[in-house]
């Protein structure tokens, strides 16, 4: 959609994004999801699986792995640290 609007290739957009933000669009979106999930873990009593589902993960272990990669600890450990 952006490449059509600005008449440049998708590859150019991806390269410009990485140059500006230091990471790929995918990595940036994943990090933002995990940071939002971290807020939910701290501020709600929803289960980890509920939170995982609200961010597009239907598998708790995949969510936990992605969360650990981003935040540095498991979702449960993060919640307990509040």
C-alpha atoms as a PDB file:
ATOM      1  CA  UNK A   1       0.000   0.000   0.000  1.00  0.00           C
ATOM      2  CA  UNK A   2       2.788   2.417   0.880  1.00  0.00           C
ATOM      3  CA  UNK A   3       4.773   1.545  -2.217  1.00  0.00           C
ATOM      4  CA  UNK A   4       1.746   2.346  -4.387  1.00  0.00           C
ATOM      5  CA  UNK A   5       1.014   5.589  -2.562  1.00  0.00           C
ATOM      6  CA  UNK A   6       4.583   6.891  -2.771  1.00  0.00           C
ATOM      7  CA  UNK A   7       5.501   5.196  -6.076  1.00  0.00           C
ATOM      8  CA  UNK A   8       8.553   3.391  -4.698  1.00  0.00           C
ATOM      9  CA  UNK A   9       9.297  -0.285  -4.328  1.00  0.00           C
ATOM     10  CA  UNK A  10       8.525  -2.288  -1.216  1.00  0.00           C
ATOM     11  CA  UNK A  11      12.206  -3.134  -0.963  1.00  0.00           C
ATOM     12  CA  UNK A  12      13.092   0.566  -0.850  1.00  0.00           C
ATOM     13  CA  UNK A  13      10.573   1.121   1.939  1.00  0.00           C
ATOM     14  CA  UNK A  14      11.975  -1.822   3.910  1.00  0.00           C
ATOM     15  CA  UNK A  15      15.547  -0.556   3.491  1.00  0.00           C
ATOM     16  CA  UNK A  16      14.580   2.993   4.514  1.00  0.00           C
ATOM     17  CA  UNK A  17      12.736   1.678   7.577  1.00  0.00           C
ATOM     18  CA  UNK A  18      15.714  -0.408   8.638  1.00  0.00           C
ATOM     19  CA  UNK A  19      18.070   2.532   8.122  1.00  0.00           C
ATOM     20  CA  UNK A  20      15.851   4.787  10.238  1.00  0.00           C
ATOM     21  CA  UNK A  21      14.923   2.353  13.018  1.00  0.00           C
ATOM     22  CA  UNK A  22      17.796  -0.129  12.981  1.00  0.00           C
ATOM     23  CA  UNK A  23      15.557  -3.159  12.547  1.00  0.00           C
ATOM     24  CA  UNK A  24      13.176  -4.682  10.033  1.00  0.00           C
ATOM     25  CA  UNK A  25       9.509  -3.752   9.912  1.00  0.00           C
ATOM     26  CA  UNK A  26       8.656  -7.259  11.160  1.00  0.00           C
ATOM     27  CA  UNK A  27      11.052  -7.038  14.117  1.00  0.00           C
ATOM     28  CA  UNK A  28       9.739  -3.586  15.021  1.00  0.00           C
ATOM     29  CA  UNK A  29       6.109  -4.743  14.982  1.00  0.00           C
ATOM     30  CA  UNK A  30       6.970  -7.849  17.009  1.00  0.00           C
ATOM     31  CA  UNK A  31       8.781  -5.735  19.607  1.00  0.00           C
ATOM     32  CA  UNK A  32       5.855  -3.313  19.876  1.00  0.00           C
ATOM     33  CA  UNK A  33       3.445  -6.237  20.364  1.00  0.00           C
ATOM     34  CA  UNK A  34       5.595  -7.700  23.123  1.00  0.00           C
ATOM     35  CA  UNK A  35       5.931  -4.333  24.875  1.00  0.00           C
ATOM     36  CA  UNK A  36       2.141  -3.943  24.783  1.00  0.00           C
ATOM     37  CA  UNK A  37       1.740  -7.499  26.062  1.00  0.00           C
ATOM     38  CA  UNK A  38       4.152  -6.645  28.890  1.00  0.00           C
ATOM     39  CA  UNK A  39       1.889  -3.746  29.892  1.00  0.00           C
ATOM     40  CA  UNK A  40      -1.079  -6.104  29.876  1.00  0.00           C
ATOM     41  CA  UNK A  41       0.792  -8.563  32.080  1.00  0.00           C
ATOM     42  CA  UNK A  42       1.542  -5.802  34.580  1.00  0.00           C
ATOM     43  CA  UNK A  43      -1.813  -4.020  34.502  1.00  0.00           C
ATOM     44  CA  UNK A  44      -4.429  -6.754  34.088  1.00  0.00           C
ATOM     45  CA  UNK A  45      -5.328 -10.076  35.619  1.00  0.00           C
ATOM     46  CA  UNK A  46      -5.851 -11.710  32.208  1.00  0.00           C
ATOM     47  CA  UNK A  47      -4.196 -15.080  31.802  1.00  0.00           C
ATOM     48  CA  UNK A  48      -1.043 -15.340  29.729  1.00  0.00           C
ATOM     49  CA  UNK A  49      -3.002 -17.324  27.133  1.00  0.00           C
ATOM     50  CA  UNK A  50      -5.652 -14.596  26.899  1.00  0.00           C
ATOM     51  CA  UNK A  51      -2.980 -11.984  26.392  1.00  0.00           C
ATOM     52  CA  UNK A  52      -1.175 -14.172  23.865  1.00  0.00           C
ATOM     53  CA  UNK A  53      -4.399 -14.606  21.908  1.00  0.00           C
ATOM     54  CA  UNK A  54      -5.081 -10.885  21.867  1.00  0.00           C
ATOM     55  CA  UNK A  55      -1.722 -10.369  20.143  1.00  0.00           C
ATOM     56  CA  UNK A  56      -2.262 -13.046  17.521  1.00  0.00           C
ATOM     57  CA  UNK A  57      -0.622 -16.032  19.201  1.00  0.00           C
ATOM     58  CA  UNK A  58      -2.731 -19.175  19.431  1.00  0.00           C
ATOM     59  CA  UNK A  59       0.121 -21.104  21.014  1.00  0.00           C
ATOM     60  CA  UNK A  60       1.308 -20.181  24.495  1.00  0.00           C
ATOM     61  CA  UNK A  61       4.809 -21.542  24.020  1.00  0.00           C
ATOM     62  CA  UNK A  62       5.364 -19.515  20.834  1.00  0.00           C
ATOM     63  CA  UNK A  63       4.174 -16.404  22.643  1.00  0.00           C
ATOM     64  CA  UNK A  64       6.450 -17.156  25.609  1.00  0.00           C
ATOM     65  CA  UNK A  65       9.433 -17.618  23.280  1.00  0.00           C
ATOM     66  CA  UNK A  66       8.756 -14.349  21.449  1.00  0.00           C
ATOM     67  CA  UNK A  67       8.208 -12.537  24.751  1.00  0.00           C
ATOM     68  CA  UNK A  68      11.436 -13.940  26.232  1.00  0.00           C
ATOM     69  CA  UNK A  69      13.416 -12.902  23.135  1.00  0.00           C
ATOM     70  CA  UNK A  70      12.145  -9.346  23.450  1.00  0.00           C
ATOM     71  CA  UNK A  71      11.881  -8.768  27.200  1.00  0.00           C
ATOM     72  CA  UNK A  72      14.511 -11.174  28.497  1.00  0.00           C
ATOM     73  CA  UNK A  73      12.273 -13.247  30.772  1.00  0.00           C
ATOM     74  CA  UNK A  74       9.183 -15.407  30.555  1.00  0.00           C
ATOM     75  CA  UNK A  75       5.734 -13.802  30.715  1.00  0.00           C
ATOM     76  CA  UNK A  76       5.081 -15.370  34.137  1.00  0.00           C
ATOM     77  CA  UNK A  77       8.408 -14.183  35.546  1.00  0.00           C
ATOM     78  CA  UNK A  78       7.698 -10.704  34.174  1.00  0.00           C
ATOM     79  CA  UNK A  79       4.256 -10.655  35.776  1.00  0.00           C
ATOM     80  CA  UNK A  80       5.683 -11.761  39.133  1.00  0.00           C
ATOM     81  CA  UNK A  81       8.264  -8.978  39.008  1.00  0.00           C
ATOM     82  CA  UNK A  82       5.583  -6.280  39.242  1.00  0.00           C
END
